[in-house]
């Protein structure tokens, strides 16, 4: 039981680090695309406001929610492996 608790704690910590890194990377890529779009197409108004509004739209997007798969997929895989080795 102690081994399972250790696996859960360290797994959660590793997955959290991966989630934060992936989330920051995805957000920076989106910011770069918004800045490039403003430079090439819009060029009217405030650039920072355009980027800020685009990032607010990104915060509610499906892509942002799909990054939570970092937690879901490994937990499902490990659960299946534990089930398969113990009960099949």
PDB file of N, CA and C in Angstrom:
ATOM      1  N   UNK A   1       0.824  -1.199   0.000  1.00  0.00           N
ATOM      2  CA  UNK A   1       0.000   0.000   0.000  1.00  0.00           C
ATOM      3  C   UNK A   1       0.866   1.260   0.000  1.00  0.00           C
ATOM      4  N   UNK A   2       1.990   1.185   0.685  1.00  0.00           N
ATOM      5  CA  UNK A   2       2.901   2.328   0.718  1.00  0.00           C
ATOM      6  C   UNK A   2       3.487   2.596  -0.675  1.00  0.00           C
ATOM      7  N   UNK A   3       3.733   1.533  -1.415  1.00  0.00           N
ATOM      8  CA  UNK A   3       4.268   1.696  -2.775  1.00  0.00           C
ATOM      9  C   UNK A   3       3.249   2.398  -3.673  1.00  0.00           C
ATOM     10  N   UNK A   4       1.987   2.064  -3.523  1.00  0.00           N
ATOM     11  CA  UNK A   4       0.942   2.720  -4.316  1.00  0.00           C
ATOM     12  C   UNK A   4       0.848   4.200  -3.966  1.00  0.00           C
ATOM     13  N   UNK A   5       0.923   4.519  -2.684  1.00  0.00           N
ATOM     14  CA  UNK A   5       0.870   5.920  -2.259  1.00  0.00           C
ATOM     15  C   UNK A   5       2.066   6.692  -2.816  1.00  0.00           C
ATOM     16  N   UNK A   6       3.225   6.084  -2.792  1.00  0.00           N
ATOM     17  CA  UNK A   6       4.422   6.728  -3.322  1.00  0.00           C
ATOM     18  C   UNK A   6       4.280   6.943  -4.839  1.00  0.00           C
ATOM     19  N   UNK A   7       3.767   5.940  -5.531  1.00  0.00           N
ATOM     20  CA  UNK A   7       3.531   6.057  -6.966  1.00  0.00           C
ATOM     21  C   UNK A   7       2.561   7.203  -7.270  1.00  0.00           C
ATOM     22  N   UNK A   8       1.490   7.294  -6.506  1.00  0.00           N
ATOM     23  CA  UNK A   8       0.502   8.348  -6.739  1.00  0.00           C
ATOM     24  C   UNK A   8       1.072   9.737  -6.479  1.00  0.00           C
ATOM     25  N   UNK A   9       1.820   9.884  -5.390  1.00  0.00           N
ATOM     26  CA  UNK A   9       2.372  11.201  -5.042  1.00  0.00           C
ATOM     27  C   UNK A   9       3.409  11.638  -6.072  1.00  0.00           C
ATOM     28  N   UNK A  10       4.377  10.772  -6.365  1.00  0.00           N
ATOM     29  CA  UNK A  10       5.408  11.148  -7.328  1.00  0.00           C
ATOM     30  C   UNK A  10       4.839  11.268  -8.743  1.00  0.00           C
ATOM     31  N   UNK A  11       3.903  10.420  -9.081  1.00  0.00           N
ATOM     32  CA  UNK A  11       3.261  10.527 -10.384  1.00  0.00           C
ATOM     33  C   UNK A  11       2.524  11.839 -10.547  1.00  0.00           C
ATOM     34  N   UNK A  12       1.800  12.234  -9.502  1.00  0.00           N
ATOM     35  CA  UNK A  12       1.076  13.502  -9.554  1.00  0.00           C
ATOM     36  C   UNK A  12       2.042  14.676  -9.682  1.00  0.00           C
ATOM     37  N   UNK A  13       3.155  14.633  -8.963  1.00  0.00           N
ATOM     38  CA  UNK A  13       4.140  15.713  -9.045  1.00  0.00           C
ATOM     39  C   UNK A  13       4.760  15.796 -10.443  1.00  0.00           C
ATOM     40  N   UNK A  14       5.125  14.655 -10.999  1.00  0.00           N
ATOM     41  CA  UNK A  14       5.719  14.642 -12.340  1.00  0.00           C
ATOM     42  C   UNK A  14       4.709  15.117 -13.378  1.00  0.00           C
ATOM     43  N   UNK A  15       3.486  14.624 -13.280  1.00  0.00           N
ATOM     44  CA  UNK A  15       2.456  15.053 -14.230  1.00  0.00           C
ATOM     45  C   UNK A  15       2.147  16.539 -14.091  1.00  0.00           C
ATOM     46  N   UNK A  16       2.217  17.067 -12.869  1.00  0.00           N
ATOM     47  CA  UNK A  16       1.972  18.497 -12.667  1.00  0.00           C
ATOM     48  C   UNK A  16       3.061  19.344 -13.318  1.00  0.00           C
ATOM     49  N   UNK A  17       4.305  18.912 -13.191  1.00  0.00           N
ATOM     50  CA  UNK A  17       5.409  19.636 -13.831  1.00  0.00           C
ATOM     51  C   UNK A  17       5.249  19.596 -15.348  1.00  0.00           C
ATOM     52  N   UNK A  18       4.912  18.428 -15.884  1.00  0.00           N
ATOM     53  CA  UNK A  18       4.701  18.305 -17.331  1.00  0.00           C
ATOM     54  C   UNK A  18       3.538  19.188 -17.776  1.00  0.00           C
ATOM     55  N   UNK A  19       2.453  19.209 -17.000  1.00  0.00           N
ATOM     56  CA  UNK A  19       1.288  20.027 -17.353  1.00  0.00           C
ATOM     57  C   UNK A  19       1.644  21.513 -17.376  1.00  0.00           C
ATOM     58  N   UNK A  20       2.360  21.974 -16.354  1.00  0.00           N
ATOM     59  CA  UNK A  20       2.721  23.394 -16.293  1.00  0.00           C
ATOM     60  C   UNK A  20       3.620  23.770 -17.465  1.00  0.00           C
ATOM     61  N   UNK A  21       4.618  22.936 -17.751  1.00  0.00           N
ATOM     62  CA  UNK A  21       5.526  23.217 -18.868  1.00  0.00           C
ATOM     63  C   UNK A  21       4.773  23.230 -20.197  1.00  0.00           C
ATOM     64  N   UNK A  22       3.924  22.248 -20.413  1.00  0.00           N
ATOM     65  CA  UNK A  22       3.159  22.171 -21.651  1.00  0.00           C
ATOM     66  C   UNK A  22       2.182  23.338 -21.783  1.00  0.00           C
ATOM     67  N   UNK A  23       1.566  23.720 -20.684  1.00  0.00           N
ATOM     68  CA  UNK A  23       0.626  24.832 -20.701  1.00  0.00           C
ATOM     69  C   UNK A  23       1.338  26.152 -21.011  1.00  0.00           C
ATOM     70  N   UNK A  24       2.486  26.380 -20.382  1.00  0.00           N
ATOM     71  CA  UNK A  24       3.242  27.606 -20.652  1.00  0.00           C
ATOM     72  C   UNK A  24       3.748  27.643 -22.091  1.00  0.00           C
ATOM     73  N   UNK A  25       4.196  26.502 -22.588  1.00  0.00           N
ATOM     74  CA  UNK A  25       4.677  26.439 -23.967  1.00  0.00           C
ATOM     75  C   UNK A  25       3.536  26.724 -24.950  1.00  0.00           C
ATOM     76  N   UNK A  26       2.384  26.100 -24.737  1.00  0.00           N
ATOM     77  CA  UNK A  26       1.256  26.295 -25.630  1.00  0.00           C
ATOM     78  C   UNK A  26       0.785  27.750 -25.608  1.00  0.00           C
ATOM     79  N   UNK A  27       0.779  28.344 -24.433  1.00  0.00           N
ATOM     80  CA  UNK A  27       0.363  29.743 -24.312  1.00  0.00           C
ATOM     81  C   UNK A  27       1.354  30.673 -25.026  1.00  0.00           C
ATOM     82  N   UNK A  28       2.650  30.379 -24.912  1.00  0.00           N
ATOM     83  CA  UNK A  28       3.635  31.229 -25.582  1.00  0.00           C
ATOM     84  C   UNK A  28       3.545  31.096 -27.102  1.00  0.00           C
ATOM     85  N   UNK A  29       3.260  29.893 -27.575  1.00  0.00           N
ATOM     86  CA  UNK A  29       3.076  29.703 -29.024  1.00  0.00           C
ATOM     87  C   UNK A  29       1.862  30.484 -29.497  1.00  0.00           C
ATOM     88  N   UNK A  30       0.781  30.436 -28.734  1.00  0.00           N
ATOM     89  CA  UNK A  30      -0.431  31.179 -29.105  1.00  0.00           C
ATOM     90  C   UNK A  30      -0.160  32.676 -29.096  1.00  0.00           C
ATOM     91  N   UNK A  31       0.594  33.158 -28.091  1.00  0.00           N
ATOM     92  CA  UNK A  31       0.938  34.576 -28.024  1.00  0.00           C
ATOM     93  C   UNK A  31       1.739  34.981 -29.263  1.00  0.00           C
ATOM     94  N   UNK A  32       2.692  34.144 -29.648  1.00  0.00           N
ATOM     95  CA  UNK A  32       3.491  34.439 -30.841  1.00  0.00           C
ATOM     96  C   UNK A  32       2.643  34.507 -32.096  1.00  0.00           C
ATOM     97  N   UNK A  33       1.689  33.597 -32.226  1.00  0.00           N
ATOM     98  CA  UNK A  33       0.805  33.613 -33.397  1.00  0.00           C
ATOM     99  C   UNK A  33      -0.066  34.865 -33.410  1.00  0.00           C
ATOM    100  N   UNK A  34      -0.545  35.278 -32.234  1.00  0.00           N
ATOM    101  CA  UNK A  34      -1.366  36.491 -32.171  1.00  0.00           C
ATOM    102  C   UNK A  34      -0.542  37.724 -32.525  1.00  0.00           C
ATOM    103  N   UNK A  35       0.688  37.797 -32.028  1.00  0.00           N
ATOM    104  CA  UNK A  35       1.543  38.939 -32.352  1.00  0.00           C
ATOM    105  C   UNK A  35       1.869  38.974 -33.839  1.00  0.00           C
ATOM    106  N   UNK A  36       2.129  37.808 -34.412  1.00  0.00           N
ATOM    107  CA  UNK A  36       2.415  37.731 -35.845  1.00  0.00           C
ATOM    108  C   UNK A  36       1.184  38.131 -36.664  1.00  0.00           C
ATOM    109  N   UNK A  37      -0.001  37.686 -36.235  1.00  0.00           N
ATOM    110  CA  UNK A  37      -1.237  38.059 -36.932  1.00  0.00           C
ATOM    111  C   UNK A  37      -1.455  39.558 -36.884  1.00  0.00           C
ATOM    112  N   UNK A  38      -1.204  40.164 -35.729  1.00  0.00           N
ATOM    113  CA  UNK A  38      -1.390  41.603 -35.618  1.00  0.00           C
ATOM    114  C   UNK A  38      -0.391  42.342 -36.509  1.00  0.00           C
ATOM    115  N   UNK A  39       0.872  41.873 -36.529  1.00  0.00           N
ATOM    116  CA  UNK A  39       1.893  42.529 -37.353  1.00  0.00           C
ATOM    117  C   UNK A  39       1.589  42.435 -38.842  1.00  0.00           C
ATOM    118  N   UNK A  40       1.026  41.294 -39.281  1.00  0.00           N
ATOM    119  CA  UNK A  40       0.816  41.093 -40.711  1.00  0.00           C
ATOM    120  C   UNK A  40      -0.526  41.613 -41.213  1.00  0.00           C
ATOM    121  N   UNK A  41      -1.564  41.549 -40.368  1.00  0.00           N
ATOM    122  CA  UNK A  41      -2.903  41.836 -40.877  1.00  0.00           C
ATOM    123  C   UNK A  41      -3.570  43.055 -40.242  1.00  0.00           C
ATOM    124  N   UNK A  42      -3.594  43.108 -38.910  1.00  0.00           N
ATOM    125  CA  UNK A  42      -4.426  44.100 -38.235  1.00  0.00           C
ATOM    126  C   UNK A  42      -3.785  45.483 -38.260  1.00  0.00           C
ATOM    127  N   UNK A  43      -2.714  45.685 -37.588  1.00  0.00           N
ATOM    128  CA  UNK A  43      -1.940  46.931 -37.515  1.00  0.00           C
ATOM    129  C   UNK A  43      -2.774  48.151 -37.138  1.00  0.00           C
ATOM    130  N   UNK A  44      -3.908  47.945 -36.497  1.00  0.00           N
ATOM    131  CA  UNK A  44      -4.739  49.056 -36.042  1.00  0.00           C
ATOM    132  C   UNK A  44      -5.046  48.859 -34.575  1.00  0.00           C
ATOM    133  N   UNK A  45      -5.018  49.921 -33.819  1.00  0.00           N
ATOM    134  CA  UNK A  45      -5.345  49.839 -32.405  1.00  0.00           C
ATOM    135  C   UNK A  45      -4.145  49.418 -31.566  1.00  0.00           C
ATOM    136  N   UNK A  46      -4.448  48.931 -30.392  1.00  0.00           N
ATOM    137  CA  UNK A  46      -3.419  48.562 -29.430  1.00  0.00           C
ATOM    138  C   UNK A  46      -3.040  47.092 -29.596  1.00  0.00           C
ATOM    139  N   UNK A  47      -1.768  46.846 -29.816  1.00  0.00           N
ATOM    140  CA  UNK A  47      -1.284  45.475 -30.014  1.00  0.00           C
ATOM    141  C   UNK A  47      -1.461  44.632 -28.755  1.00  0.00           C
ATOM    142  N   UNK A  48      -1.132  45.198 -27.613  1.00  0.00           N
ATOM    143  CA  UNK A  48      -1.242  44.461 -26.349  1.00  0.00           C
ATOM    144  C   UNK A  48      -2.692  44.085 -26.044  1.00  0.00           C
ATOM    145  N   UNK A  49      -3.619  44.979 -26.343  1.00  0.00           N
ATOM    146  CA  UNK A  49      -5.038  44.673 -26.121  1.00  0.00           C
ATOM    147  C   UNK A  49      -5.491  43.544 -27.043  1.00  0.00           C
ATOM    148  N   UNK A  50      -5.021  43.549 -28.282  1.00  0.00           N
ATOM    149  CA  UNK A  50      -5.359  42.492 -29.228  1.00  0.00           C
ATOM    150  C   UNK A  50      -4.845  41.139 -28.738  1.00  0.00           C
ATOM    151  N   UNK A  51      -3.590  41.132 -28.278  1.00  0.00           N
ATOM    152  CA  UNK A  51      -2.993  39.884 -27.780  1.00  0.00           C
ATOM    153  C   UNK A  51      -3.705  39.438 -26.511  1.00  0.00           C
ATOM    154  N   UNK A  52      -3.992  40.369 -25.609  1.00  0.00           N
ATOM    155  CA  UNK A  52      -4.678  40.035 -24.355  1.00  0.00           C
ATOM    156  C   UNK A  52      -6.057  39.428 -24.617  1.00  0.00           C
ATOM    157  N   UNK A  53      -6.800  40.031 -25.540  1.00  0.00           N
ATOM    158  CA  UNK A  53      -8.124  39.493 -25.884  1.00  0.00           C
ATOM    159  C   UNK A  53      -8.017  38.114 -26.527  1.00  0.00           C
ATOM    160  N   UNK A  54      -7.010  37.925 -27.370  1.00  0.00           N
ATOM    161  CA  UNK A  54      -6.803  36.622 -27.992  1.00  0.00           C
ATOM    162  C   UNK A  54      -6.440  35.558 -26.969  1.00  0.00           C
ATOM    163  N   UNK A  55      -5.641  35.928 -25.968  1.00  0.00           N
ATOM    164  CA  UNK A  55      -5.278  34.968 -24.924  1.00  0.00           C
ATOM    165  C   UNK A  55      -6.458  34.660 -24.010  1.00  0.00           C
ATOM    166  N   UNK A  56      -7.349  35.621 -23.819  1.00  0.00           N
ATOM    167  CA  UNK A  56      -8.565  35.340 -23.044  1.00  0.00           C
ATOM    168  C   UNK A  56      -9.449  34.346 -23.786  1.00  0.00           C
ATOM    169  N   UNK A  57      -9.528  34.488 -25.110  1.00  0.00           N
ATOM    170  CA  UNK A  57     -10.265  33.500 -25.907  1.00  0.00           C
ATOM    171  C   UNK A  57      -9.597  32.139 -25.826  1.00  0.00           C
ATOM    172  N   UNK A  58      -8.264  32.125 -25.825  1.00  0.00           N
ATOM    173  CA  UNK A  58      -7.511  30.870 -25.743  1.00  0.00           C
ATOM    174  C   UNK A  58      -7.765  30.159 -24.410  1.00  0.00           C
ATOM    175  N   UNK A  59      -7.905  30.935 -23.328  1.00  0.00           N
ATOM    176  CA  UNK A  59      -8.124  30.341 -22.005  1.00  0.00           C
ATOM    177  C   UNK A  59      -9.396  29.501 -21.957  1.00  0.00           C
ATOM    178  N   UNK A  60     -10.386  29.820 -22.749  1.00  0.00           N
ATOM    179  CA  UNK A  60     -11.626  29.058 -22.765  1.00  0.00           C
ATOM    180  C   UNK A  60     -11.709  28.062 -23.912  1.00  0.00           C
ATOM    181  N   UNK A  61     -10.603  27.875 -24.624  1.00  0.00           N
ATOM    182  CA  UNK A  61     -10.648  27.041 -25.828  1.00  0.00           C
ATOM    183  C   UNK A  61     -10.525  25.552 -25.511  1.00  0.00           C
ATOM    184  N   UNK A  62     -10.831  24.755 -26.503  1.00  0.00           N
ATOM    185  CA  UNK A  62     -10.740  23.304 -26.384  1.00  0.00           C
ATOM    186  C   UNK A  62      -9.288  22.856 -26.241  1.00  0.00           C
ATOM    187  N   UNK A  63      -8.383  23.516 -26.932  1.00  0.00           N
ATOM    188  CA  UNK A  63      -6.967  23.152 -26.851  1.00  0.00           C
ATOM    189  C   UNK A  63      -6.463  23.232 -25.410  1.00  0.00           C
ATOM    190  N   UNK A  64      -6.852  24.253 -24.720  1.00  0.00           N
ATOM    191  CA  UNK A  64      -6.431  24.414 -23.319  1.00  0.00           C
ATOM    192  C   UNK A  64      -6.956  23.258 -22.470  1.00  0.00           C
ATOM    193  N   UNK A  65      -8.178  22.832 -22.739  1.00  0.00           N
ATOM    194  CA  UNK A  65      -8.771  21.731 -21.978  1.00  0.00           C
ATOM    195  C   UNK A  65      -8.145  20.387 -22.351  1.00  0.00           C
ATOM    196  N   UNK A  66      -7.703  20.246 -23.588  1.00  0.00           N
ATOM    197  CA  UNK A  66      -7.084  18.996 -24.020  1.00  0.00           C
ATOM    198  C   UNK A  66      -5.740  18.766 -23.336  1.00  0.00           C
ATOM    199  N   UNK A  67      -5.101  19.824 -22.900  1.00  0.00           N
ATOM    200  CA  UNK A  67      -3.830  19.680 -22.193  1.00  0.00           C
ATOM    201  C   UNK A  67      -4.036  18.932 -20.880  1.00  0.00           C
ATOM    202  N   UNK A  68      -5.244  18.966 -20.332  1.00  0.00           N
ATOM    203  CA  UNK A  68      -5.529  18.203 -19.112  1.00  0.00           C
ATOM    204  C   UNK A  68      -5.420  16.695 -19.349  1.00  0.00           C
ATOM    205  N   UNK A  69      -5.344  16.290 -20.601  1.00  0.00           N
ATOM    206  CA  UNK A  69      -5.107  14.889 -20.917  1.00  0.00           C
ATOM    207  C   UNK A  69      -3.783  14.386 -20.371  1.00  0.00           C
ATOM    208  N   UNK A  70      -2.895  15.300 -20.014  1.00  0.00           N
ATOM    209  CA  UNK A  70      -1.641  14.934 -19.377  1.00  0.00           C
ATOM    210  C   UNK A  70      -1.916  14.171 -18.085  1.00  0.00           C
ATOM    211  N   UNK A  71      -2.988  14.498 -17.406  1.00  0.00           N
ATOM    212  CA  UNK A  71      -3.358  13.772 -16.187  1.00  0.00           C
ATOM    213  C   UNK A  71      -4.173  12.525 -16.489  1.00  0.00           C
ATOM    214  N   UNK A  72      -5.096  12.619 -17.408  1.00  0.00           N
ATOM    215  CA  UNK A  72      -6.067  11.549 -17.632  1.00  0.00           C
ATOM    216  C   UNK A  72      -5.435  10.324 -18.293  1.00  0.00           C
ATOM    217  N   UNK A  73      -4.695  10.521 -19.371  1.00  0.00           N
ATOM    218  CA  UNK A  73      -4.167   9.392 -20.143  1.00  0.00           C
ATOM    219  C   UNK A  73      -3.204   8.529 -19.333  1.00  0.00           C
ATOM    220  N   UNK A  74      -2.189   9.081 -18.666  1.00  0.00           N
ATOM    221  CA  UNK A  74      -1.298   8.211 -17.886  1.00  0.00           C
ATOM    222  C   UNK A  74      -2.008   7.480 -16.749  1.00  0.00           C
ATOM    223  N   UNK A  75      -2.971   8.118 -16.106  1.00  0.00           N
ATOM    224  CA  UNK A  75      -3.700   7.459 -15.021  1.00  0.00           C
ATOM    225  C   UNK A  75      -4.492   6.276 -15.567  1.00  0.00           C
ATOM    226  N   UNK A  76      -5.127   6.455 -16.716  1.00  0.00           N
ATOM    227  CA  UNK A  76      -5.876   5.352 -17.333  1.00  0.00           C
ATOM    228  C   UNK A  76      -4.952   4.213 -17.741  1.00  0.00           C
ATOM    229  N   UNK A  77      -3.810   4.534 -18.313  1.00  0.00           N
ATOM    230  CA  UNK A  77      -2.873   3.501 -18.750  1.00  0.00           C
ATOM    231  C   UNK A  77      -2.331   2.720 -17.562  1.00  0.00           C
ATOM    232  N   UNK A  78      -1.919   3.425 -16.516  1.00  0.00           N
ATOM    233  CA  UNK A  78      -1.387   2.746 -15.325  1.00  0.00           C
ATOM    234  C   UNK A  78      -2.472   1.915 -14.656  1.00  0.00           C
ATOM    235  N   UNK A  79      -3.678   2.422 -14.588  1.00  0.00           N
ATOM    236  CA  UNK A  79      -4.784   1.659 -14.003  1.00  0.00           C
ATOM    237  C   UNK A  79      -5.056   0.392 -14.794  1.00  0.00           C
ATOM    238  N   UNK A  80      -5.034   0.489 -16.117  1.00  0.00           N
ATOM    239  CA  UNK A  80      -5.254  -0.695 -16.942  1.00  0.00           C
ATOM    240  C   UNK A  80      -4.137  -1.715 -16.757  1.00  0.00           C
ATOM    241  N   UNK A  81      -2.900  -1.244 -16.696  1.00  0.00           N
ATOM    242  CA  UNK A  81      -1.772  -2.163 -16.502  1.00  0.00           C
ATOM    243  C   UNK A  81      -1.876  -2.871 -15.155  1.00  0.00           C
ATOM    244  N   UNK A  82      -2.216  -2.142 -14.114  1.00  0.00           N
ATOM    245  CA  UNK A  82      -2.370  -2.759 -12.793  1.00  0.00           C
ATOM    246  C   UNK A  82      -3.512  -3.770 -12.816  1.00  0.00           C
ATOM    247  N   UNK A  83      -4.617  -3.417 -13.428  1.00  0.00           N
ATOM    248  CA  UNK A  83      -5.752  -4.336 -13.515  1.00  0.00           C
ATOM    249  C   UNK A  83      -5.380  -5.586 -14.318  1.00  0.00           C
ATOM    250  N   UNK A  84      -4.716  -5.381 -15.446  1.00  0.00           N
ATOM    251  CA  UNK A  84      -4.367  -6.504 -16.325  1.00  0.00           C
ATOM    252  C   UNK A  84      -3.379  -7.451 -15.659  1.00  0.00           C
ATOM    253  N   UNK A  85      -2.412  -6.933 -14.942  1.00  0.00           N
ATOM    254  CA  UNK A  85      -1.429  -7.811 -14.307  1.00  0.00           C
ATOM    255  C   UNK A  85      -1.998  -8.534 -13.103  1.00  0.00           C
ATOM    256  N   UNK A  86      -2.984  -7.980 -12.464  1.00  0.00           N
ATOM    257  CA  UNK A  86      -3.536  -8.615 -11.254  1.00  0.00           C
ATOM    258  C   UNK A  86      -4.726  -9.511 -11.517  1.00  0.00           C
ATOM    259  N   UNK A  87      -5.521  -9.244 -12.534  1.00  0.00           N
ATOM    260  CA  UNK A  87      -6.774  -9.967 -12.686  1.00  0.00           C
ATOM    261  C   UNK A  87      -6.910 -10.740 -13.998  1.00  0.00           C
ATOM    262  N   UNK A  88      -5.946 -10.666 -14.909  1.00  0.00           N
ATOM    263  CA  UNK A  88      -6.045 -11.427 -16.148  1.00  0.00           C
ATOM    264  C   UNK A  88      -5.155 -12.599 -16.086  1.00  0.00           C
TER     265      UNK A  88
END
